[in-house]
Amino acid sequence: MPNATKIQDRDELFKQMFEAKQRDFLRTLVTTEVAEEHRIAPCGQHSEPLDRLLLYFNRRPLSERYAIMTIEPFKAYRVVALSGQRGVPPKDVDNEIYPSHIEAQHAIFLRNVQELLES
């Protein structure tokens, strides 16, 4: 049985190495043009760099993701951080209220980009 533990540890090590290399590459894709593309059209077909960033952000564990909470339909939205645990409510990340769902989506994108650049 000790060999199975070593393999699992090695798998985790390689996973961490892969994710570190992936984050290094994704940092090179962050440009003002990509951010502007997302601001204009957060949904739909995107360029390859933006698509890669969005796929990476959406693959992260729930505990590392953000969501949009509707305060008043079609009028007020807030960005929240998901807990990743059943029964634990999401937490407000700031006091900002966004007038549209699209603006809240872009705020989440910018927050994800900031975290990527800081990691």
PDB file of N, CA and C in Angstrom:
ATOM      1  N   MET A   1       0.786  -1.214   0.000  1.00  0.00           N
ATOM      2  CA  MET A   1       0.000   0.000   0.000  1.00  0.00           C
ATOM      3  C   MET A   1       0.831   1.284   0.000  1.00  0.00           C
ATOM      4  N   PRO A   2       2.029   1.317   0.558  1.00  0.00           N
ATOM      5  CA  PRO A   2       2.799   2.555   0.549  1.00  0.00           C
ATOM      6  C   PRO A   2       3.074   3.068  -0.867  1.00  0.00           C
ATOM      7  N   ASN A   3       3.189   2.166  -1.845  1.00  0.00           N
ATOM      8  CA  ASN A   3       3.424   2.608  -3.214  1.00  0.00           C
ATOM      9  C   ASN A   3       2.267   3.429  -3.749  1.00  0.00           C
ATOM     10  N   ALA A   4       1.043   3.053  -3.383  1.00  0.00           N
ATOM     11  CA  ALA A   4      -0.130   3.817  -3.840  1.00  0.00           C
ATOM     12  C   ALA A   4      -0.075   5.243  -3.312  1.00  0.00           C
ATOM     13  N   THR A   5       0.391   5.408  -2.076  1.00  0.00           N
ATOM     14  CA  THR A   5       0.513   6.745  -1.500  1.00  0.00           C
ATOM     15  C   THR A   5       1.547   7.561  -2.265  1.00  0.00           C
ATOM     16  N   LYS A   6       2.662   6.950  -2.622  1.00  0.00           N
ATOM     17  CA  LYS A   6       3.694   7.657  -3.372  1.00  0.00           C
ATOM     18  C   LYS A   6       3.172   8.089  -4.740  1.00  0.00           C
ATOM     19  N   ILE A   7       2.419   7.231  -5.387  1.00  0.00           N
ATOM     20  CA  ILE A   7       1.869   7.573  -6.705  1.00  0.00           C
ATOM     21  C   ILE A   7       0.891   8.727  -6.574  1.00  0.00           C
ATOM     22  N   GLN A   8       0.042   8.699  -5.565  1.00  0.00           N
ATOM     23  CA  GLN A   8      -0.895   9.795  -5.365  1.00  0.00           C
ATOM     24  C   GLN A   8      -0.152  11.095  -5.103  1.00  0.00           C
ATOM     25  N   ASP A   9       0.891  11.045  -4.286  1.00  0.00           N
ATOM     26  CA  ASP A   9       1.672  12.243  -4.006  1.00  0.00           C
ATOM     27  C   ASP A   9       2.344  12.741  -5.279  1.00  0.00           C
ATOM     28  N   ARG A  10       2.864  11.823  -6.100  1.00  0.00           N
ATOM     29  CA  ARG A  10       3.509  12.198  -7.344  1.00  0.00           C
ATOM     30  C   ARG A  10       2.485  12.805  -8.302  1.00  0.00           C
ATOM     31  N   ASP A  11       1.293  12.240  -8.331  1.00  0.00           N
ATOM     32  CA  ASP A  11       0.237  12.802  -9.174  1.00  0.00           C
ATOM     33  C   ASP A  11      -0.077  14.229  -8.755  1.00  0.00           C
ATOM     34  N   GLU A  12      -0.174  14.445  -7.467  1.00  0.00           N
ATOM     35  CA  GLU A  12      -0.462  15.790  -6.962  1.00  0.00           C
ATOM     36  C   GLU A  12       0.682  16.740  -7.294  1.00  0.00           C
ATOM     37  N   LEU A  13       1.909  16.266  -7.185  1.00  0.00           N
ATOM     38  CA  LEU A  13       3.070  17.083  -7.513  1.00  0.00           C
ATOM     39  C   LEU A  13       3.034  17.503  -8.981  1.00  0.00           C
ATOM     40  N   PHE A  14       2.772  16.559  -9.879  1.00  0.00           N
ATOM     41  CA  PHE A  14       2.720  16.876 -11.303  1.00  0.00           C
ATOM     42  C   PHE A  14       1.545  17.786 -11.635  1.00  0.00           C
ATOM     43  N   LYS A  15       0.447  17.594 -10.936  1.00  0.00           N
ATOM     44  CA  LYS A  15      -0.705  18.473 -11.139  1.00  0.00           C
ATOM     45  C   LYS A  15      -0.349  19.903 -10.758  1.00  0.00           C
ATOM     46  N   GLN A  16       0.319  20.068  -9.633  1.00  0.00           N
ATOM     47  CA  GLN A  16       0.724  21.403  -9.189  1.00  0.00           C
ATOM     48  C   GLN A  16       1.726  22.024 -10.154  1.00  0.00           C
ATOM     49  N   MET A  17       2.654  21.215 -10.665  1.00  0.00           N
ATOM     50  CA  MET A  17       3.633  21.723 -11.625  1.00  0.00           C
ATOM     51  C   MET A  17       2.939  22.152 -12.921  1.00  0.00           C
ATOM     52  N   PHE A  18       1.994  21.346 -13.387  1.00  0.00           N
ATOM     53  CA  PHE A  18       1.254  21.677 -14.603  1.00  0.00           C
ATOM     54  C   PHE A  18       0.474  22.968 -14.423  1.00  0.00           C
ATOM     55  N   GLU A  19      -0.214  23.101 -13.302  1.00  0.00           N
ATOM     56  CA  GLU A  19      -1.016  24.301 -13.058  1.00  0.00           C
ATOM     57  C   GLU A  19      -0.143  25.545 -12.934  1.00  0.00           C
ATOM     58  N   ALA A  20       1.034  25.410 -12.354  1.00  0.00           N
ATOM     59  CA  ALA A  20       1.949  26.553 -12.257  1.00  0.00           C
ATOM     60  C   ALA A  20       2.396  26.994 -13.648  1.00  0.00           C
ATOM     61  N   LYS A  21       2.741  26.032 -14.509  1.00  0.00           N
ATOM     62  CA  LYS A  21       3.132  26.371 -15.885  1.00  0.00           C
ATOM     63  C   LYS A  21       1.966  26.974 -16.646  1.00  0.00           C
ATOM     64  N   GLN A  22       0.788  26.434 -16.419  1.00  0.00           N
ATOM     65  CA  GLN A  22      -0.394  26.955 -17.093  1.00  0.00           C
ATOM     66  C   GLN A  22      -0.667  28.403 -16.672  1.00  0.00           C
ATOM     67  N   ARG A  23      -0.573  28.694 -15.384  1.00  0.00           N
ATOM     68  CA  ARG A  23      -0.769  30.066 -14.907  1.00  0.00           C
ATOM     69  C   ARG A  23       0.275  31.007 -15.496  1.00  0.00           C
ATOM     70  N   ASP A  24       1.526  30.540 -15.593  1.00  0.00           N
ATOM     71  CA  ASP A  24       2.572  31.367 -16.207  1.00  0.00           C
ATOM     72  C   ASP A  24       2.197  31.714 -17.653  1.00  0.00           C
ATOM     73  N   PHE A  25       1.717  30.725 -18.395  1.00  0.00           N
ATOM     74  CA  PHE A  25       1.321  30.973 -19.779  1.00  0.00           C
ATOM     75  C   PHE A  25       0.111  31.906 -19.850  1.00  0.00           C
ATOM     76  N   LEU A  26      -0.882  31.662 -19.003  1.00  0.00           N
ATOM     77  CA  LEU A  26      -2.099  32.476 -19.042  1.00  0.00           C
ATOM     78  C   LEU A  26      -1.813  33.936 -18.700  1.00  0.00           C
ATOM     79  N   ARG A  27      -0.834  34.181 -17.857  1.00  0.00           N
ATOM     80  CA  ARG A  27      -0.472  35.571 -17.540  1.00  0.00           C
ATOM     81  C   ARG A  27      -0.032  36.320 -18.796  1.00  0.00           C
ATOM     82  N   THR A  28       0.577  35.609 -19.748  1.00  0.00           N
ATOM     83  CA  THR A  28       1.016  36.262 -20.982  1.00  0.00           C
ATOM     84  C   THR A  28      -0.158  36.639 -21.870  1.00  0.00           C
ATOM     85  N   LEU A  29      -1.320  36.034 -21.646  1.00  0.00           N
ATOM     86  CA  LEU A  29      -2.493  36.311 -22.470  1.00  0.00           C
ATOM     87  C   LEU A  29      -3.280  37.525 -21.991  1.00  0.00           C
ATOM     88  N   VAL A  30      -2.992  37.990 -20.787  1.00  0.00           N
ATOM     89  CA  VAL A  30      -3.739  39.116 -20.220  1.00  0.00           C
ATOM     90  C   VAL A  30      -3.227  40.414 -20.846  1.00  0.00           C
ATOM     91  N   THR A  31      -4.107  41.054 -21.610  1.00  0.00           N
ATOM     92  CA  THR A  31      -3.794  42.337 -22.232  1.00  0.00           C
ATOM     93  C   THR A  31      -4.996  43.256 -22.086  1.00  0.00           C
ATOM     94  N   THR A  32      -4.781  44.528 -22.363  1.00  0.00           N
ATOM     95  CA  THR A  32      -5.906  45.467 -22.321  1.00  0.00           C
ATOM     96  C   THR A  32      -6.921  45.135 -23.409  1.00  0.00           C
ATOM     97  N   GLU A  33      -6.440  44.607 -24.533  1.00  0.00           N
ATOM     98  CA  GLU A  33      -7.356  44.234 -25.626  1.00  0.00           C
ATOM     99  C   GLU A  33      -8.278  43.093 -25.198  1.00  0.00           C
ATOM    100  N   VAL A  34      -7.729  42.114 -24.492  1.00  0.00           N
ATOM    101  CA  VAL A  34      -8.538  40.982 -24.017  1.00  0.00           C
ATOM    102  C   VAL A  34      -9.557  41.466 -22.989  1.00  0.00           C
ATOM    103  N   ALA A  35      -9.134  42.335 -22.098  1.00  0.00           N
ATOM    104  CA  ALA A  35     -10.061  42.872 -21.093  1.00  0.00           C
ATOM    105  C   ALA A  35     -11.169  43.684 -21.760  1.00  0.00           C
ATOM    106  N   GLU A  36     -10.823  44.448 -22.764  1.00  0.00           N
ATOM    107  CA  GLU A  36     -11.833  45.240 -23.482  1.00  0.00           C
ATOM    108  C   GLU A  36     -12.779  44.337 -24.258  1.00  0.00           C
ATOM    109  N   GLU A  37     -12.256  43.281 -24.850  1.00  0.00           N
ATOM    110  CA  GLU A  37     -13.110  42.316 -25.557  1.00  0.00           C
ATOM    111  C   GLU A  37     -14.138  41.721 -24.597  1.00  0.00           C
ATOM    112  N   HIS A  38     -13.694  41.375 -23.388  1.00  0.00           N
ATOM    113  CA  HIS A  38     -14.624  40.806 -22.409  1.00  0.00           C
ATOM    114  C   HIS A  38     -15.641  41.846 -21.948  1.00  0.00           C
ATOM    115  N   ARG A  39     -15.212  43.081 -21.760  1.00  0.00           N
ATOM    116  CA  ARG A  39     -16.135  44.133 -21.320  1.00  0.00           C
ATOM    117  C   ARG A  39     -17.242  44.335 -22.356  1.00  0.00           C
ATOM    118  N   ILE A  40     -16.886  44.311 -23.618  1.00  0.00           N
ATOM    119  CA  ILE A  40     -17.859  44.531 -24.693  1.00  0.00           C
ATOM    120  C   ILE A  40     -18.809  43.345 -24.821  1.00  0.00           C
ATOM    121  N   ALA A  41     -18.269  42.136 -24.762  1.00  0.00           N
ATOM    122  CA  ALA A  41     -19.098  40.934 -24.961  1.00  0.00           C
ATOM    123  C   ALA A  41     -18.636  39.812 -24.036  1.00  0.00           C
ATOM    124  N   PRO A  42     -19.124  39.773 -22.787  1.00  0.00           N
ATOM    125  CA  PRO A  42     -18.691  38.718 -21.872  1.00  0.00           C
ATOM    126  C   PRO A  42     -19.225  37.333 -22.235  1.00  0.00           C
ATOM    127  N   CYS A  43     -20.282  37.276 -23.032  1.00  0.00           N
ATOM    128  CA  CYS A  43     -20.852  35.995 -23.458  1.00  0.00           C
ATOM    129  C   CYS A  43     -20.701  35.846 -24.965  1.00  0.00           C
ATOM    130  N   GLY A  44     -20.690  34.617 -25.418  1.00  0.00           N
ATOM    131  CA  GLY A  44     -20.627  34.372 -26.853  1.00  0.00           C
ATOM    132  C   GLY A  44     -19.259  33.887 -27.282  1.00  0.00           C
ATOM    133  N   GLN A  45     -18.983  34.036 -28.570  1.00  0.00           N
ATOM    134  CA  GLN A  45     -17.718  33.583 -29.129  1.00  0.00           C
ATOM    135  C   GLN A  45     -16.632  34.612 -28.847  1.00  0.00           C
ATOM    136  N   HIS A  46     -15.454  34.119 -28.441  1.00  0.00           N
ATOM    137  CA  HIS A  46     -14.352  34.998 -28.069  1.00  0.00           C
ATOM    138  C   HIS A  46     -13.089  34.625 -28.834  1.00  0.00           C
ATOM    139  N   SER A  47     -12.103  35.496 -28.731  1.00  0.00           N
ATOM    140  CA  SER A  47     -10.786  35.188 -29.277  1.00  0.00           C
ATOM    141  C   SER A  47     -10.180  34.044 -28.467  1.00  0.00           C
ATOM    142  N   GLU A  48      -9.152  33.421 -29.026  1.00  0.00           N
ATOM    143  CA  GLU A  48      -8.530  32.300 -28.336  1.00  0.00           C
ATOM    144  C   GLU A  48      -7.945  32.696 -26.971  1.00  0.00           C
ATOM    145  N   PRO A  49      -7.229  33.829 -26.861  1.00  0.00           N
ATOM    146  CA  PRO A  49      -6.700  34.181 -25.532  1.00  0.00           C
ATOM    147  C   PRO A  49      -7.794  34.359 -24.480  1.00  0.00           C
ATOM    148  N   LEU A  50      -8.856  35.062 -24.826  1.00  0.00           N
ATOM    149  CA  LEU A  50      -9.945  35.264 -23.862  1.00  0.00           C
ATOM    150  C   LEU A  50     -10.623  33.943 -23.551  1.00  0.00           C
ATOM    151  N   ASP A  51     -10.813  33.120 -24.541  1.00  0.00           N
ATOM    152  CA  ASP A  51     -11.453  31.822 -24.324  1.00  0.00           C
ATOM    153  C   ASP A  51     -10.623  30.959 -23.377  1.00  0.00           C
ATOM    154  N   ARG A  52      -9.321  30.958 -23.543  1.00  0.00           N
ATOM    155  CA  ARG A  52      -8.449  30.178 -22.650  1.00  0.00           C
ATOM    156  C   ARG A  52      -8.535  30.682 -21.211  1.00  0.00           C
ATOM    157  N   LEU A  53      -8.535  32.000 -21.052  1.00  0.00           N
ATOM    158  CA  LEU A  53      -8.652  32.562 -19.705  1.00  0.00           C
ATOM    159  C   LEU A  53      -9.979  32.180 -19.061  1.00  0.00           C
ATOM    160  N   LEU A  54     -11.066  32.303 -19.808  1.00  0.00           N
ATOM    161  CA  LEU A  54     -12.385  31.982 -19.254  1.00  0.00           C
ATOM    162  C   LEU A  54     -12.497  30.505 -18.907  1.00  0.00           C
ATOM    163  N   LEU A  55     -11.944  29.637 -19.742  1.00  0.00           N
ATOM    164  CA  LEU A  55     -11.969  28.206 -19.439  1.00  0.00           C
ATOM    165  C   LEU A  55     -11.196  27.911 -18.161  1.00  0.00           C
ATOM    166  N   TYR A  56     -10.057  28.549 -17.987  1.00  0.00           N
ATOM    167  CA  TYR A  56      -9.274  28.346 -16.766  1.00  0.00           C
ATOM    168  C   TYR A  56     -10.053  28.829 -15.546  1.00  0.00           C
ATOM    169  N   PHE A  57     -10.646  30.006 -15.626  1.00  0.00           N
ATOM    170  CA  PHE A  57     -11.387  30.549 -14.487  1.00  0.00           C
ATOM    171  C   PHE A  57     -12.578  29.652 -14.131  1.00  0.00           C
ATOM    172  N   ASN A  58     -13.230  29.076 -15.133  1.00  0.00           N
ATOM    173  CA  ASN A  58     -14.414  28.251 -14.883  1.00  0.00           C
ATOM    174  C   ASN A  58     -14.073  26.833 -14.437  1.00  0.00           C
ATOM    175  N   ARG A  59     -12.820  26.421 -14.547  1.00  0.00           N
ATOM    176  CA  ARG A  59     -12.410  25.085 -14.118  1.00  0.00           C
ATOM    177  C   ARG A  59     -11.964  25.053 -12.667  1.00  0.00           C
ATOM    178  N   ARG A  60     -11.780  26.195 -12.065  1.00  0.00           N
ATOM    179  CA  ARG A  60     -11.290  26.225 -10.687  1.00  0.00           C
ATOM    180  C   ARG A  60     -12.330  25.638  -9.730  1.00  0.00           C
ATOM    181  N   PRO A  61     -11.886  25.192  -8.557  1.00  0.00           N
ATOM    182  CA  PRO A  61     -12.837  24.668  -7.564  1.00  0.00           C
ATOM    183  C   PRO A  61     -13.827  25.750  -7.138  1.00  0.00           C
ATOM    184  N   LEU A  62     -14.994  25.323  -6.700  1.00  0.00           N
ATOM    185  CA  LEU A  62     -16.035  26.273  -6.298  1.00  0.00           C
ATOM    186  C   LEU A  62     -15.567  27.228  -5.207  1.00  0.00           C
ATOM    187  N   SER A  63     -14.711  26.750  -4.330  1.00  0.00           N
ATOM    188  CA  SER A  63     -14.244  27.606  -3.235  1.00  0.00           C
ATOM    189  C   SER A  63     -13.364  28.758  -3.730  1.00  0.00           C
ATOM    190  N   GLU A  64     -12.946  28.701  -4.987  1.00  0.00           N
ATOM    191  CA  GLU A  64     -12.107  29.759  -5.556  1.00  0.00           C
ATOM    192  C   GLU A  64     -12.860  30.587  -6.602  1.00  0.00           C
ATOM    193  N   ARG A  65     -14.168  30.436  -6.651  1.00  0.00           N
ATOM    194  CA  ARG A  65     -14.955  31.121  -7.680  1.00  0.00           C
ATOM    195  C   ARG A  65     -15.837  32.216  -7.108  1.00  0.00           C
ATOM    196  N   TYR A  66     -16.271  33.064  -8.029  1.00  0.00           N
ATOM    197  CA  TYR A  66     -17.200  34.144  -7.709  1.00  0.00           C
ATOM    198  C   TYR A  66     -18.507  33.907  -8.441  1.00  0.00           C
ATOM    199  N   ALA A  67     -19.557  34.514  -7.937  1.00  0.00           N
ATOM    200  CA  ALA A  67     -20.869  34.418  -8.563  1.00  0.00           C
ATOM    201  C   ALA A  67     -21.552  35.781  -8.475  1.00  0.00           C
ATOM    202  N   ILE A  68     -22.656  35.886  -9.186  1.00  0.00           N
ATOM    203  CA  ILE A  68     -23.426  37.126  -9.184  1.00  0.00           C
ATOM    204  C   ILE A  68     -24.695  36.896  -8.387  1.00  0.00           C
ATOM    205  N   MET A  69     -24.923  37.759  -7.400  1.00  0.00           N
ATOM    206  CA  MET A  69     -26.143  37.697  -6.604  1.00  0.00           C
ATOM    207  C   MET A  69     -27.067  38.814  -7.085  1.00  0.00           C
ATOM    208  N   THR A  70     -28.287  38.440  -7.416  1.00  0.00           N
ATOM    209  CA  THR A  70     -29.264  39.429  -7.849  1.00  0.00           C
ATOM    210  C   THR A  70     -29.897  40.071  -6.632  1.00  0.00           C
ATOM    211  N   ILE A  71     -29.761  41.378  -6.535  1.00  0.00           N
ATOM    212  CA  ILE A  71     -30.383  42.114  -5.440  1.00  0.00           C
ATOM    213  C   ILE A  71     -31.782  42.549  -5.863  1.00  0.00           C
ATOM    214  N   GLU A  72     -31.870  43.109  -7.058  1.00  0.00           N
ATOM    215  CA  GLU A  72     -33.147  43.482  -7.651  1.00  0.00           C
ATOM    216  C   GLU A  72     -33.065  43.138  -9.138  1.00  0.00           C
ATOM    217  N   PRO A  73     -33.940  42.248  -9.617  1.00  0.00           N
ATOM    218  CA  PRO A  73     -33.841  41.805 -11.010  1.00  0.00           C
ATOM    219  C   PRO A  73     -33.800  42.978 -11.999  1.00  0.00           C
ATOM    220  N   PHE A  74     -32.839  42.876 -12.922  1.00  0.00           N
ATOM    221  CA  PHE A  74     -32.634  43.846 -14.001  1.00  0.00           C
ATOM    222  C   PHE A  74     -32.171  45.216 -13.509  1.00  0.00           C
ATOM    223  N   LYS A  75     -31.843  45.359 -12.217  1.00  0.00           N
ATOM    224  CA  LYS A  75     -31.450  46.669 -11.700  1.00  0.00           C
ATOM    225  C   LYS A  75     -30.210  46.656 -10.819  1.00  0.00           C
ATOM    226  N   ALA A  76     -30.038  45.648  -9.994  1.00  0.00           N
ATOM    227  CA  ALA A  76     -28.941  45.675  -9.032  1.00  0.00           C
ATOM    228  C   ALA A  76     -28.375  44.276  -8.806  1.00  0.00           C
ATOM    229  N   TYR A  77     -27.042  44.187  -8.919  1.00  0.00           N
ATOM    230  CA  TYR A  77     -26.341  42.914  -8.766  1.00  0.00           C
ATOM    231  C   TYR A  77     -25.108  43.126  -7.903  1.00  0.00           C
ATOM    232  N   ARG A  78     -24.696  42.063  -7.230  1.00  0.00           N
ATOM    233  CA  ARG A  78     -23.520  42.114  -6.363  1.00  0.00           C
ATOM    234  C   ARG A  78     -22.657  40.885  -6.642  1.00  0.00           C
ATOM    235  N   VAL A  79     -21.340  41.031  -6.515  1.00  0.00           N
ATOM    236  CA  VAL A  79     -20.410  39.917  -6.690  1.00  0.00           C
ATOM    237  C   VAL A  79     -20.179  39.275  -5.325  1.00  0.00           C
ATOM    238  N   VAL A  80     -20.279  37.952  -5.290  1.00  0.00           N
ATOM    239  CA  VAL A  80     -20.062  37.206  -4.047  1.00  0.00           C
ATOM    240  C   VAL A  80     -19.031  36.098  -4.289  1.00  0.00           C
ATOM    241  N   ALA A  81     -18.373  35.685  -3.219  1.00  0.00           N
ATOM    242  CA  ALA A  81     -17.419  34.576  -3.273  1.00  0.00           C
ATOM    243  C   ALA A  81     -18.123  33.315  -2.780  1.00  0.00           C
ATOM    244  N   LEU A  82     -18.039  32.263  -3.569  1.00  0.00           N
ATOM    245  CA  LEU A  82     -18.661  31.000  -3.174  1.00  0.00           C
ATOM    246  C   LEU A  82     -17.812  30.313  -2.110  1.00  0.00           C
ATOM    247  N   SER A  83     -18.477  29.608  -1.206  1.00  0.00           N
ATOM    248  CA  SER A  83     -17.762  28.919  -0.127  1.00  0.00           C
ATOM    249  C   SER A  83     -17.235  27.560  -0.581  1.00  0.00           C
ATOM    250  N   GLY A  84     -17.927  26.939  -1.514  1.00  0.00           N
ATOM    251  CA  GLY A  84     -17.527  25.611  -1.952  1.00  0.00           C
ATOM    252  C   GLY A  84     -18.035  24.508  -1.041  1.00  0.00           C
ATOM    253  N   GLN A  85     -18.832  24.880  -0.037  1.00  0.00           N
ATOM    254  CA  GLN A  85     -19.366  23.899   0.906  1.00  0.00           C
ATOM    255  C   GLN A  85     -20.889  24.013   0.934  1.00  0.00           C
ATOM    256  N   ARG A  86     -21.532  22.886   0.888  1.00  0.00           N
ATOM    257  CA  ARG A  86     -22.984  22.859   0.927  1.00  0.00           C
ATOM    258  C   ARG A  86     -23.486  23.451   2.238  1.00  0.00           C
ATOM    259  N   GLY A  87     -24.474  24.327   2.137  1.00  0.00           N
ATOM    260  CA  GLY A  87     -25.083  24.924   3.308  1.00  0.00           C
ATOM    261  C   GLY A  87     -24.386  26.174   3.817  1.00  0.00           C
ATOM    262  N   VAL A  88     -23.204  26.473   3.278  1.00  0.00           N
ATOM    263  CA  VAL A  88     -22.473  27.677   3.698  1.00  0.00           C
ATOM    264  C   VAL A  88     -22.753  28.766   2.664  1.00  0.00           C
ATOM    265  N   PRO A  89     -23.366  29.861   3.076  1.00  0.00           N
ATOM    266  CA  PRO A  89     -23.749  30.892   2.110  1.00  0.00           C
ATOM    267  C   PRO A  89     -22.537  31.617   1.529  1.00  0.00           C
ATOM    268  N   PRO A  90     -22.698  32.200   0.355  1.00  0.00           N
ATOM    269  CA  PRO A  90     -21.599  32.975  -0.230  1.00  0.00           C
ATOM    270  C   PRO A  90     -21.356  34.252   0.560  1.00  0.00           C
ATOM    271  N   LYS A  91     -20.168  34.812   0.398  1.00  0.00           N
ATOM    272  CA  LYS A  91     -19.798  36.034   1.119  1.00  0.00           C
ATOM    273  C   LYS A  91     -19.654  37.186   0.139  1.00  0.00           C
ATOM    274  N   ASP A  92     -20.068  38.366   0.560  1.00  0.00           N
ATOM    275  CA  ASP A  92     -19.865  39.559  -0.257  1.00  0.00           C
ATOM    276  C   ASP A  92     -18.374  39.829  -0.369  1.00  0.00           C
ATOM    277  N   VAL A  93     -17.931  40.209  -1.560  1.00  0.00           N
ATOM    278  CA  VAL A  93     -16.513  40.520  -1.739  1.00  0.00           C
ATOM    279  C   VAL A  93     -16.250  42.021  -1.617  1.00  0.00           C
ATOM    280  N   ASP A  94     -17.267  42.820  -1.861  1.00  0.00           N
ATOM    281  CA  ASP A  94     -17.173  44.263  -1.687  1.00  0.00           C
ATOM    282  C   ASP A  94     -18.586  44.830  -1.597  1.00  0.00           C
ATOM    283  N   ASN A  95     -18.705  46.119  -1.464  1.00  0.00           N
ATOM    284  CA  ASN A  95     -20.023  46.747  -1.349  1.00  0.00           C
ATOM    285  C   ASN A  95     -20.516  47.315  -2.669  1.00  0.00           C
ATOM    286  N   GLU A  96     -19.820  46.994  -3.737  1.00  0.00           N
ATOM    287  CA  GLU A  96     -20.171  47.522  -5.058  1.00  0.00           C
ATOM    288  C   GLU A  96     -21.485  46.912  -5.553  1.00  0.00           C
ATOM    289  N   ILE A  97     -22.361  47.759  -6.062  1.00  0.00           N
ATOM    290  CA  ILE A  97     -23.614  47.320  -6.678  1.00  0.00           C
ATOM    291  C   ILE A  97     -23.505  47.626  -8.170  1.00  0.00           C
ATOM    292  N   TYR A  98     -23.761  46.625  -8.992  1.00  0.00           N
ATOM    293  CA  TYR A  98     -23.658  46.783 -10.443  1.00  0.00           C
ATOM    294  C   TYR A  98     -25.050  46.914 -11.044  1.00  0.00           C
ATOM    295  N   PRO A  99     -25.234  47.854 -11.962  1.00  0.00           N
ATOM    296  CA  PRO A  99     -26.561  48.093 -12.536  1.00  0.00           C
ATOM    297  C   PRO A  99     -26.997  47.047 -13.569  1.00  0.00           C
ATOM    298  N   SER A 100     -26.061  46.246 -14.050  1.00  0.00           N
ATOM    299  CA  SER A 100     -26.437  45.224 -15.036  1.00  0.00           C
ATOM    300  C   SER A 100     -25.668  43.928 -14.762  1.00  0.00           C
ATOM    301  N   HIS A 101     -26.234  42.851 -15.238  1.00  0.00           N
ATOM    302  CA  HIS A 101     -25.614  41.535 -15.088  1.00  0.00           C
ATOM    303  C   HIS A 101     -24.283  41.502 -15.845  1.00  0.00           C
ATOM    304  N   ILE A 102     -24.235  42.151 -16.996  1.00  0.00           N
ATOM    305  CA  ILE A 102     -23.018  42.176 -17.815  1.00  0.00           C
ATOM    306  C   ILE A 102     -21.884  42.887 -17.078  1.00  0.00           C
ATOM    307  N   GLU A 103     -22.193  43.994 -16.430  1.00  0.00           N
ATOM    308  CA  GLU A 103     -21.153  44.702 -15.669  1.00  0.00           C
ATOM    309  C   GLU A 103     -20.656  43.868 -14.499  1.00  0.00           C
ATOM    310  N   ALA A 104     -21.537  43.120 -13.879  1.00  0.00           N
ATOM    311  CA  ALA A 104     -21.128  42.234 -12.781  1.00  0.00           C
ATOM    312  C   ALA A 104     -20.245  41.099 -13.312  1.00  0.00           C
ATOM    313  N   GLN A 105     -20.574  40.571 -14.492  1.00  0.00           N
ATOM    314  CA  GLN A 105     -19.741  39.533 -15.101  1.00  0.00           C
ATOM    315  C   GLN A 105     -18.338  40.066 -15.381  1.00  0.00           C
ATOM    316  N   HIS A 106     -18.263  41.282 -15.880  1.00  0.00           N
ATOM    317  CA  HIS A 106     -16.952  41.854 -16.172  1.00  0.00           C
ATOM    318  C   HIS A 106     -16.174  42.115 -14.878  1.00  0.00           C
ATOM    319  N   ALA A 107     -16.859  42.504 -13.827  1.00  0.00           N
ATOM    320  CA  ALA A 107     -16.190  42.706 -12.535  1.00  0.00           C
ATOM    321  C   ALA A 107     -15.579  41.392 -12.040  1.00  0.00           C
ATOM    322  N   ILE A 108     -16.299  40.296 -12.219  1.00  0.00           N
ATOM    323  CA  ILE A 108     -15.771  38.983 -11.836  1.00  0.00           C
ATOM    324  C   ILE A 108     -14.549  38.647 -12.680  1.00  0.00           C
ATOM    325  N   PHE A 109     -14.628  38.911 -13.973  1.00  0.00           N
ATOM    326  CA  PHE A 109     -13.496  38.654 -14.860  1.00  0.00           C
ATOM    327  C   PHE A 109     -12.264  39.437 -14.395  1.00  0.00           C
ATOM    328  N   LEU A 110     -12.444  40.707 -14.115  1.00  0.00           N
ATOM    329  CA  LEU A 110     -11.316  41.535 -13.672  1.00  0.00           C
ATOM    330  C   LEU A 110     -10.751  41.041 -12.347  1.00  0.00           C
ATOM    331  N   ARG A 111     -11.609  40.604 -11.450  1.00  0.00           N
ATOM    332  CA  ARG A 111     -11.159  40.066 -10.162  1.00  0.00           C
ATOM    333  C   ARG A 111     -10.353  38.778 -10.389  1.00  0.00           C
ATOM    334  N   ASN A 112     -10.832  37.908 -11.288  1.00  0.00           N
ATOM    335  CA  ASN A 112     -10.101  36.676 -11.599  1.00  0.00           C
ATOM    336  C   ASN A 112      -8.748  36.978 -12.225  1.00  0.00           C
ATOM    337  N   VAL A 113      -8.705  37.946 -13.129  1.00  0.00           N
ATOM    338  CA  VAL A 113      -7.442  38.325 -13.766  1.00  0.00           C
ATOM    339  C   VAL A 113      -6.470  38.848 -12.711  1.00  0.00           C
ATOM    340  N   GLN A 114      -6.962  39.680 -11.818  1.00  0.00           N
ATOM    341  CA  GLN A 114      -6.101  40.232 -10.759  1.00  0.00           C
ATOM    342  C   GLN A 114      -5.509  39.107  -9.914  1.00  0.00           C
ATOM    343  N   GLU A 115      -6.320  38.141  -9.556  1.00  0.00           N
ATOM    344  CA  GLU A 115      -5.821  37.008  -8.759  1.00  0.00           C
ATOM    345  C   GLU A 115      -4.809  36.185  -9.537  1.00  0.00           C
ATOM    346  N   LEU A 116      -5.036  36.005 -10.843  1.00  0.00           N
ATOM    347  CA  LEU A 116      -4.099  35.273 -11.682  1.00  0.00           C
ATOM    348  C   LEU A 116      -2.756  35.994 -11.721  1.00  0.00           C
ATOM    349  N   LEU A 117      -2.781  37.298 -11.898  1.00  0.00           N
ATOM    350  CA  LEU A 117      -1.543  38.065 -11.978  1.00  0.00           C
ATOM    351  C   LEU A 117      -0.798  38.099 -10.644  1.00  0.00           C
ATOM    352  N   GLU A 118      -1.527  38.016  -9.536  1.00  0.00           N
ATOM    353  CA  GLU A 118      -0.904  38.046  -8.215  1.00  0.00           C
ATOM    354  C   GLU A 118      -0.383  36.680  -7.765  1.00  0.00           C
ATOM    355  N   SER A 119      -0.911  35.601  -8.363  1.00  0.00           N
ATOM    356  CA  SER A 119      -0.495  34.253  -7.911  1.00  0.00           C
ATOM    357  C   SER A 119       0.867  33.877  -8.439  1.00  0.00           C
TER     358      SER A 119
END
